[in-house]
PDB file of N, CA and C in Angstrom:
ATOM      1  N   MET A   1     113.036  84.123 103.811  1.00  0.00           N
ATOM      2  CA  MET A   1     113.619  85.286 104.494  1.00  0.00           C
ATOM      3  C   MET A   1     112.827  85.472 105.749  1.00  0.00           C
ATOM      4  N   LYS A   2     113.475  85.778 106.949  1.00  0.00           N
ATOM      5  CA  LYS A   2     112.735  86.104 108.184  1.00  0.00           C
ATOM      6  C   LYS A   2     112.185  87.376 108.107  1.00  0.00           C
ATOM      7  N   LYS A   3     111.070  87.491 108.822  1.00  0.00           N
ATOM      8  CA  LYS A   3     110.499  89.044 108.781  1.00  0.00           C
ATOM      9  C   LYS A   3     111.035  89.801 109.796  1.00  0.00           C
ATOM     10  N   LEU A   4     111.224  91.067 109.649  1.00  0.00           N
ATOM     11  CA  LEU A   4     111.575  91.928 110.570  1.00  0.00           C
ATOM     12  C   LEU A   4     110.577  91.994 111.920  1.00  0.00           C
ATOM     13  N   ARG A   5     111.357  91.900 113.034  1.00  0.00           N
ATOM     14  CA  ARG A   5     110.556  92.037 114.292  1.00  0.00           C
ATOM     15  C   ARG A   5     110.663  93.428 114.808  1.00  0.00           C
ATOM     16  N   ILE A   6     109.324  93.992 115.149  1.00  0.00           N
ATOM     17  CA  ILE A   6     109.308  95.511 115.390  1.00  0.00           C
ATOM     18  C   ILE A   6     108.633  95.512 116.824  1.00  0.00           C
ATOM     19  N   TYR A   7     109.413  96.280 117.590  1.00  0.00           N
ATOM     20  CA  TYR A   7     108.924  96.574 119.167  1.00  0.00           C
ATOM     21  C   TYR A   7     108.006  97.671 119.078  1.00  0.00           C
ATOM     22  N   ILE A   8     106.835  97.832 119.615  1.00  0.00           N
ATOM     23  CA  ILE A   8     106.015  99.334 119.811  1.00  0.00           C
ATOM     24  C   ILE A   8     105.644  99.377 121.157  1.00  0.00           C
ATOM     25  N   ASP A   9     105.319 100.455 121.471  1.00  0.00           N
ATOM     26  CA  ASP A   9     104.725 100.783 122.806  1.00  0.00           C
ATOM     27  C   ASP A   9     103.161 101.351 122.479  1.00  0.00           C
ATOM     28  N   THR A  10     102.864 101.583 123.747  1.00  0.00           N
ATOM     29  CA  THR A  10     101.256 102.173 123.414  1.00  0.00           C
ATOM     30  C   THR A  10     101.097 103.213 123.038  1.00  0.00           C
ATOM     31  N   SER A  11     102.031 104.407 122.885  1.00  0.00           N
ATOM     32  CA  SER A  11     102.092 105.497 122.023  1.00  0.00           C
ATOM     33  C   SER A  11     101.874 105.315 120.487  1.00  0.00           C
ATOM     34  N   VAL A  12     102.350 104.133 120.005  1.00  0.00           N
ATOM     35  CA  VAL A  12     102.095 103.601 118.620  1.00  0.00           C
ATOM     36  C   VAL A  12     100.636 103.464 118.479  1.00  0.00           C
ATOM     37  N   ILE A  13     100.192 102.671 119.387  1.00  0.00           N
ATOM     38  CA  ILE A  13      98.818 102.168 119.298  1.00  0.00           C
ATOM     39  C   ILE A  13      97.663 103.267 119.399  1.00  0.00           C
ATOM     40  N   GLY A  14      97.989 103.975 120.421  1.00  0.00           N
ATOM     41  CA  GLY A  14      97.354 105.242 120.729  1.00  0.00           C
ATOM     42  C   GLY A  14      97.348 106.190 119.671  1.00  0.00           C
ATOM     43  N   GLY A  15      98.597 106.463 119.019  1.00  0.00           N
ATOM     44  CA  GLY A  15      98.679 107.198 117.934  1.00  0.00           C
ATOM     45  C   GLY A  15      97.873 106.958 116.506  1.00  0.00           C
ATOM     46  N   CYS A  16      97.325 105.896 116.660  1.00  0.00           N
ATOM     47  CA  CYS A  16      96.374 105.652 115.522  1.00  0.00           C
ATOM     48  C   CYS A  16      95.018 106.414 115.463  1.00  0.00           C
ATOM     49  N   LEU A  17      95.001 106.830 116.710  1.00  0.00           N
ATOM     50  CA  LEU A  17      93.643 107.654 116.998  1.00  0.00           C
ATOM     51  C   LEU A  17      94.080 109.147 117.374  1.00  0.00           C
ATOM     52  N   ASP A  18      95.016 109.430 117.030  1.00  0.00           N
ATOM     53  CA  ASP A  18      95.706 110.913 117.355  1.00  0.00           C
ATOM     54  C   ASP A  18      95.774 111.676 116.159  1.00  0.00           C
ATOM     55  N   ASP A  19      95.212 112.784 116.008  1.00  0.00           N
ATOM     56  CA  ASP A  19      95.403 113.510 114.690  1.00  0.00           C
ATOM     57  C   ASP A  19      97.020 113.785 114.138  1.00  0.00           C
ATOM     58  N   GLU A  20      97.848 114.085 115.095  1.00  0.00           N
ATOM     59  CA  GLU A  20      99.144 114.217 114.825  1.00  0.00           C
ATOM     60  C   GLU A  20      99.890 112.901 114.283  1.00  0.00           C
ATOM     61  N   PHE A  21      99.612 111.898 114.930  1.00  0.00           N
ATOM     62  CA  PHE A  21     100.377 110.814 114.522  1.00  0.00           C
ATOM     63  C   PHE A  21      99.588 109.503 113.863  1.00  0.00           C
ATOM     64  N   SER A  22      98.231 109.815 113.347  1.00  0.00           N
ATOM     65  CA  SER A  22      97.485 108.772 112.943  1.00  0.00           C
ATOM     66  C   SER A  22      98.153 108.309 111.596  1.00  0.00           C
ATOM     67  N   VAL A  23      98.444 109.153 110.672  1.00  0.00           N
ATOM     68  CA  VAL A  23      98.855 108.630 109.616  1.00  0.00           C
ATOM     69  C   VAL A  23     100.172 107.451 109.565  1.00  0.00           C
ATOM     70  N   GLU A  24     101.332 107.793 110.336  1.00  0.00           N
ATOM     71  CA  GLU A  24     102.183 106.944 110.439  1.00  0.00           C
ATOM     72  C   GLU A  24     102.014 105.846 111.423  1.00  0.00           C
ATOM     73  N   SER A  25     101.146 105.977 112.587  1.00  0.00           N
ATOM     74  CA  SER A  25     100.872 104.888 113.260  1.00  0.00           C
ATOM     75  C   SER A  25      99.901 103.762 112.542  1.00  0.00           C
ATOM     76  N   ASN A  26      98.883 104.386 111.791  1.00  0.00           N
ATOM     77  CA  ASN A  26      98.058 103.456 111.143  1.00  0.00           C
ATOM     78  C   ASN A  26      98.745 102.780 109.983  1.00  0.00           C
ATOM     79  N   ASN A  27      99.698 103.552 109.367  1.00  0.00           N
ATOM     80  CA  ASN A  27     100.425 102.815 108.090  1.00  0.00           C
ATOM     81  C   ASN A  27     101.144 101.697 108.622  1.00  0.00           C
ATOM     82  N   LEU A  28     101.871 101.918 109.899  1.00  0.00           N
ATOM     83  CA  LEU A  28     102.532 100.847 110.520  1.00  0.00           C
ATOM     84  C   LEU A  28     101.579  99.494 110.885  1.00  0.00           C
ATOM     85  N   ILE A  29     100.703  99.876 111.639  1.00  0.00           N
ATOM     86  CA  ILE A  29      99.680  98.739 112.149  1.00  0.00           C
ATOM     87  C   ILE A  29      99.044  98.085 110.739  1.00  0.00           C
ATOM     88  N   GLU A  30      98.700  98.781 109.674  1.00  0.00           N
ATOM     89  CA  GLU A  30      98.389  98.026 108.354  1.00  0.00           C
ATOM     90  C   GLU A  30      99.391  97.211 107.841  1.00  0.00           C
ATOM     91  N   LEU A  31     100.838  97.440 107.868  1.00  0.00           N
ATOM     92  CA  LEU A  31     101.805  96.808 107.371  1.00  0.00           C
ATOM     93  C   LEU A  31     101.790  95.407 108.177  1.00  0.00           C
ATOM     94  N   ILE A  32     101.722  95.807 109.612  1.00  0.00           N
ATOM     95  CA  ILE A  32     101.544  94.638 110.564  1.00  0.00           C
ATOM     96  C   ILE A  32     100.487  93.542 110.265  1.00  0.00           C
ATOM     97  N   LYS A  33      99.222  93.921 109.958  1.00  0.00           N
ATOM     98  CA  LYS A  33      98.331  93.379 109.763  1.00  0.00           C
ATOM     99  C   LYS A  33      98.473  92.641 108.395  1.00  0.00           C
ATOM    100  N   GLN A  34      99.162  93.313 107.291  1.00  0.00           N
ATOM    101  CA  GLN A  34      99.398  92.517 106.041  1.00  0.00           C
ATOM    102  C   GLN A  34     100.645  91.376 106.266  1.00  0.00           C
ATOM    103  N   GLU A  35     101.205  91.152 107.492  1.00  0.00           N
ATOM    104  CA  GLU A  35     101.998  90.486 107.936  1.00  0.00           C
ATOM    105  C   GLU A  35     103.487  90.623 107.288  1.00  0.00           C
ATOM    106  N   LYS A  36     103.641  91.751 107.088  1.00  0.00           N
ATOM    107  CA  LYS A  36     105.084  92.310 106.552  1.00  0.00           C
ATOM    108  C   LYS A  36     105.973  92.373 107.829  1.00  0.00           C
ATOM    109  N   PHE A  37     105.659  92.314 108.849  1.00  0.00           N
ATOM    110  CA  PHE A  37     106.406  92.322 110.085  1.00  0.00           C
ATOM    111  C   PHE A  37     105.820  91.716 111.279  1.00  0.00           C
ATOM    112  N   ILE A  38     106.683  91.142 112.021  1.00  0.00           N
ATOM    113  CA  ILE A  38     106.231  90.312 113.423  1.00  0.00           C
ATOM    114  C   ILE A  38     106.225  91.578 114.453  1.00  0.00           C
ATOM    115  N   LEU A  39     105.117  91.599 115.062  1.00  0.00           N
ATOM    116  CA  LEU A  39     104.820  92.734 116.171  1.00  0.00           C
ATOM    117  C   LEU A  39     105.370  92.176 117.555  1.00  0.00           C
ATOM    118  N   LEU A  40     106.235  92.814 118.098  1.00  0.00           N
ATOM    119  CA  LEU A  40     106.717  92.425 119.567  1.00  0.00           C
ATOM    120  C   LEU A  40     106.112  93.541 120.579  1.00  0.00           C
ATOM    121  N   ILE A  41     105.180  93.123 121.400  1.00  0.00           N
ATOM    122  CA  ILE A  41     104.886  93.910 122.427  1.00  0.00           C
ATOM    123  C   ILE A  41     105.194  93.329 123.902  1.00  0.00           C
ATOM    124  N   SER A  42     105.448  94.005 124.939  1.00  0.00           N
ATOM    125  CA  SER A  42     105.629  93.475 126.250  1.00  0.00           C
ATOM    126  C   SER A  42     104.329  93.519 127.064  1.00  0.00           C
ATOM    127  N   GLU A  43     104.476  92.753 128.142  1.00  0.00           N
ATOM    128  CA  GLU A  43     103.398  92.614 128.916  1.00  0.00           C
ATOM    129  C   GLU A  43     103.214  93.857 129.790  1.00  0.00           C
ATOM    130  N   ILE A  44     103.977  94.798 129.625  1.00  0.00           N
ATOM    131  CA  ILE A  44     103.845  96.172 130.256  1.00  0.00           C
ATOM    132  C   ILE A  44     102.664  96.821 129.283  1.00  0.00           C
ATOM    133  N   ILE A  45     102.819  96.677 128.080  1.00  0.00           N
ATOM    134  CA  ILE A  45     101.948  97.546 126.989  1.00  0.00           C
ATOM    135  C   ILE A  45     100.666  96.774 127.421  1.00  0.00           C
ATOM    136  N   ILE A  46     100.486  95.414 127.496  1.00  0.00           N
ATOM    137  CA  ILE A  46      99.160  94.736 127.832  1.00  0.00           C
ATOM    138  C   ILE A  46      98.437  95.536 129.094  1.00  0.00           C
ATOM    139  N   ASN A  47      99.418  95.349 130.062  1.00  0.00           N
ATOM    140  CA  ASN A  47      98.759  96.199 131.449  1.00  0.00           C
ATOM    141  C   ASN A  47      98.335  97.370 131.131  1.00  0.00           C
ATOM    142  N   GLU A  48      99.097  98.331 130.396  1.00  0.00           N
ATOM    143  CA  GLU A  48      98.654  99.572 130.053  1.00  0.00           C
ATOM    144  C   GLU A  48      97.353  99.718 129.311  1.00  0.00           C
ATOM    145  N   LEU A  49      97.064  98.825 128.524  1.00  0.00           N
ATOM    146  CA  LEU A  49      95.901  98.823 127.722  1.00  0.00           C
ATOM    147  C   LEU A  49      94.658  98.145 128.409  1.00  0.00           C
ATOM    148  N   ILE A  50      94.653  97.725 129.563  1.00  0.00           N
ATOM    149  CA  ILE A  50      93.674  97.146 130.304  1.00  0.00           C
ATOM    150  C   ILE A  50      92.739  98.399 130.606  1.00  0.00           C
ATOM    151  N   ASP A  51      93.133  99.419 130.687  1.00  0.00           N
ATOM    152  CA  ASP A  51      92.285 100.508 131.247  1.00  0.00           C
ATOM    153  C   ASP A  51      92.263 101.700 130.230  1.00  0.00           C
ATOM    154  N   ALA A  52      92.699 101.141 128.897  1.00  0.00           N
ATOM    155  CA  ALA A  52      92.577 102.025 127.640  1.00  0.00           C
ATOM    156  C   ALA A  52      91.252 102.022 127.231  1.00  0.00           C
ATOM    157  N   PRO A  53      90.802 103.082 126.414  1.00  0.00           N
ATOM    158  CA  PRO A  53      89.496 103.075 125.592  1.00  0.00           C
ATOM    159  C   PRO A  53      89.318 101.867 124.882  1.00  0.00           C
ATOM    160  N   GLN A  54      88.195 101.535 124.530  1.00  0.00           N
ATOM    161  CA  GLN A  54      87.960 100.248 123.804  1.00  0.00           C
ATOM    162  C   GLN A  54      88.538 100.283 122.146  1.00  0.00           C
ATOM    163  N   ALA A  55      88.412 101.796 121.767  1.00  0.00           N
ATOM    164  CA  ALA A  55      89.081 101.932 120.585  1.00  0.00           C
ATOM    165  C   ALA A  55      90.382 101.645 120.328  1.00  0.00           C
ATOM    166  N   VAL A  56      91.121 101.832 121.311  1.00  0.00           N
ATOM    167  CA  VAL A  56      92.505 101.506 121.334  1.00  0.00           C
ATOM    168  C   VAL A  56      92.704 100.051 121.463  1.00  0.00           C
ATOM    169  N   LYS A  57      92.007  99.316 122.461  1.00  0.00           N
ATOM    170  CA  LYS A  57      92.056  97.816 122.511  1.00  0.00           C
ATOM    171  C   LYS A  57      91.795  97.257 121.080  1.00  0.00           C
ATOM    172  N   THR A  58      90.931  97.691 120.532  1.00  0.00           N
ATOM    173  CA  THR A  58      90.456  97.168 119.304  1.00  0.00           C
ATOM    174  C   THR A  58      91.605  97.162 118.165  1.00  0.00           C
ATOM    175  N   ILE A  59      92.446  98.194 118.202  1.00  0.00           N
ATOM    176  CA  ILE A  59      93.531  98.380 117.267  1.00  0.00           C
ATOM    177  C   ILE A  59      94.421  97.052 117.662  1.00  0.00           C
ATOM    178  N   LEU A  60      94.675  96.850 118.680  1.00  0.00           N
ATOM    179  CA  LEU A  60      95.871  95.593 119.031  1.00  0.00           C
ATOM    180  C   LEU A  60      94.987  94.377 118.800  1.00  0.00           C
ATOM    181  N   LEU A  61      93.801  94.096 119.256  1.00  0.00           N
ATOM    182  CA  LEU A  61      93.168  93.134 118.978  1.00  0.00           C
ATOM    183  C   LEU A  61      92.775  92.706 117.563  1.00  0.00           C
ATOM    184  N   SER A  62      92.915  93.595 116.493  1.00  0.00           N
ATOM    185  CA  SER A  62      92.707  93.450 115.235  1.00  0.00           C
ATOM    186  C   SER A  62      94.105  93.024 114.506  1.00  0.00           C
ATOM    187  N   ILE A  63      95.323  92.790 115.258  1.00  0.00           N
ATOM    188  CA  ILE A  63      96.392  92.280 114.672  1.00  0.00           C
ATOM    189  C   ILE A  63      96.296  90.793 114.688  1.00  0.00           C
ATOM    190  N   PRO A  64      96.573  90.182 113.623  1.00  0.00           N
ATOM    191  CA  PRO A  64      96.576  88.645 113.543  1.00  0.00           C
ATOM    192  C   PRO A  64      97.539  88.301 114.375  1.00  0.00           C
ATOM    193  N   GLN A  65      96.959  86.920 115.139  1.00  0.00           N
ATOM    194  CA  GLN A  65      97.930  86.331 116.217  1.00  0.00           C
ATOM    195  C   GLN A  65      99.087  85.597 115.453  1.00  0.00           C
ATOM    196  N   SER A  66      99.183  85.357 114.191  1.00  0.00           N
ATOM    197  CA  SER A  66     100.234  84.763 113.563  1.00  0.00           C
ATOM    198  C   SER A  66     101.564  85.848 113.683  1.00  0.00           C
ATOM    199  N   VAL A  67     101.206  87.170 113.699  1.00  0.00           N
ATOM    200  CA  VAL A  67     102.372  88.193 113.775  1.00  0.00           C
ATOM    201  C   VAL A  67     102.732  88.515 115.051  1.00  0.00           C
ATOM    202  N   LEU A  68     102.151  88.211 116.053  1.00  0.00           N
ATOM    203  CA  LEU A  68     102.165  88.701 117.472  1.00  0.00           C
ATOM    204  C   LEU A  68     103.043  88.026 118.255  1.00  0.00           C
ATOM    205  N   GLU A  69     103.974  88.726 119.016  1.00  0.00           N
ATOM    206  CA  GLU A  69     104.797  87.946 119.995  1.00  0.00           C
ATOM    207  C   GLU A  69     104.713  89.070 121.370  1.00  0.00           C
ATOM    208  N   VAL A  70     104.341  88.197 122.372  1.00  0.00           N
ATOM    209  CA  VAL A  70     104.296  89.003 123.586  1.00  0.00           C
ATOM    210  C   VAL A  70     105.780  88.723 124.481  1.00  0.00           C
ATOM    211  N   ILE A  71     106.210  89.728 124.794  1.00  0.00           N
ATOM    212  CA  ILE A  71     107.594  89.587 125.623  1.00  0.00           C
ATOM    213  C   ILE A  71     107.175  89.571 127.035  1.00  0.00           C
ATOM    214  N   ILE A  72     107.655  88.586 127.756  1.00  0.00           N
ATOM    215  CA  ILE A  72     107.417  88.398 129.251  1.00  0.00           C
ATOM    216  C   ILE A  72     109.042  88.933 129.903  1.00  0.00           C
ATOM    217  N   LEU A  73     108.577  90.188 130.473  1.00  0.00           N
ATOM    218  CA  LEU A  73     109.667  90.744 131.067  1.00  0.00           C
ATOM    219  C   LEU A  73     110.298  90.451 132.298  1.00  0.00           C
ATOM    220  N   MET A  74     109.321  89.860 133.139  1.00  0.00           N
ATOM    221  CA  MET A  74     109.435  89.726 134.591  1.00  0.00           C
ATOM    222  C   MET A  74     109.587  88.058 134.689  1.00  0.00           C
ATOM    223  N   GLY A  75     109.523  87.427 133.596  1.00  0.00           N
ATOM    224  CA  GLY A  75     109.453  85.941 133.948  1.00  0.00           C
ATOM    225  C   GLY A  75     108.275  85.182 134.253  1.00  0.00           C
ATOM    226  N   VAL A  76     107.216  86.086 134.277  1.00  0.00           N
ATOM    227  CA  VAL A  76     105.922  85.378 134.729  1.00  0.00           C
ATOM    228  C   VAL A  76     104.822  85.764 133.701  1.00  0.00           C
ATOM    229  N   SER A  77     104.326  84.921 133.079  1.00  0.00           N
ATOM    230  CA  SER A  77     103.261  85.039 132.154  1.00  0.00           C
ATOM    231  C   SER A  77     102.178  85.828 132.559  1.00  0.00           C
ATOM    232  N   LEU A  78     101.358  86.500 131.732  1.00  0.00           N
ATOM    233  CA  LEU A  78     100.154  87.293 132.211  1.00  0.00           C
ATOM    234  C   LEU A  78      99.152  86.369 132.787  1.00  0.00           C
ATOM    235  N   ARG A  79      99.114  85.166 132.326  1.00  0.00           N
ATOM    236  CA  ARG A  79      98.021  84.305 132.784  1.00  0.00           C
ATOM    237  C   ARG A  79      98.427  83.862 134.192  1.00  0.00           C
ATOM    238  N   GLN A  80      99.751  83.847 134.598  1.00  0.00           N
ATOM    239  CA  GLN A  80     100.159  83.443 135.684  1.00  0.00           C
ATOM    240  C   GLN A  80     100.136  84.684 136.880  1.00  0.00           C
ATOM    241  N   ASN A  81     100.316  85.798 136.353  1.00  0.00           N
ATOM    242  CA  ASN A  81     100.238  86.893 137.200  1.00  0.00           C
ATOM    243  C   ASN A  81      98.997  87.290 137.915  1.00  0.00           C
ATOM    244  N   PRO A  82      98.732  87.018 139.107  1.00  0.00           N
ATOM    245  CA  PRO A  82      97.620  87.364 139.744  1.00  0.00           C
ATOM    246  C   PRO A  82      96.958  88.793 139.818  1.00  0.00           C
ATOM    247  N   LEU A  83      98.009  89.676 139.900  1.00  0.00           N
ATOM    248  CA  LEU A  83      97.620  91.159 139.782  1.00  0.00           C
ATOM    249  C   LEU A  83      96.964  91.426 138.419  1.00  0.00           C
ATOM    250  N   THR A  84      97.607  90.832 137.346  1.00  0.00           N
ATOM    251  CA  THR A  84      97.248  91.163 136.057  1.00  0.00           C
ATOM    252  C   THR A  84      95.847  90.569 135.937  1.00  0.00           C
ATOM    253  N   MET A  85      95.483  89.532 136.293  1.00  0.00           N
ATOM    254  CA  MET A  85      94.245  88.801 136.341  1.00  0.00           C
ATOM    255  C   MET A  85      93.200  89.654 136.980  1.00  0.00           C
ATOM    256  N   GLN A  86      93.462  90.234 138.011  1.00  0.00           N
ATOM    257  CA  GLN A  86      92.602  91.106 138.800  1.00  0.00           C
ATOM    258  C   GLN A  86      92.158  92.484 137.983  1.00  0.00           C
ATOM    259  N   LEU A  87      93.266  92.847 137.363  1.00  0.00           N
ATOM    260  CA  LEU A  87      92.947  94.194 136.396  1.00  0.00           C
ATOM    261  C   LEU A  87      92.143  93.847 135.247  1.00  0.00           C
ATOM    262  N   MET A  88      92.139  92.679 134.809  1.00  0.00           N
ATOM    263  CA  MET A  88      91.359  92.513 133.388  1.00  0.00           C
ATOM    264  C   MET A  88      89.786  92.215 133.673  1.00  0.00           C
TER     265      MET A  88
END
């Protein structure tokens, strides 16, 4: 059976560190880490996280690559996008 694919935005990742949303956000991230779901994120989220606090980046980096899919919205991968490379 195929795993359910879930798209999240930066508010879910940042919500892991927010008192109001931490329970729900952390529960979802834990289910993703347990490989119950495939996590879809867009290149926009990656760009937004470049300037995020390290604690927020660490949450995304803790997710296994095997359950992470990056959606390229503009047809140019991040590695090929000179603007993104400058921001990193």
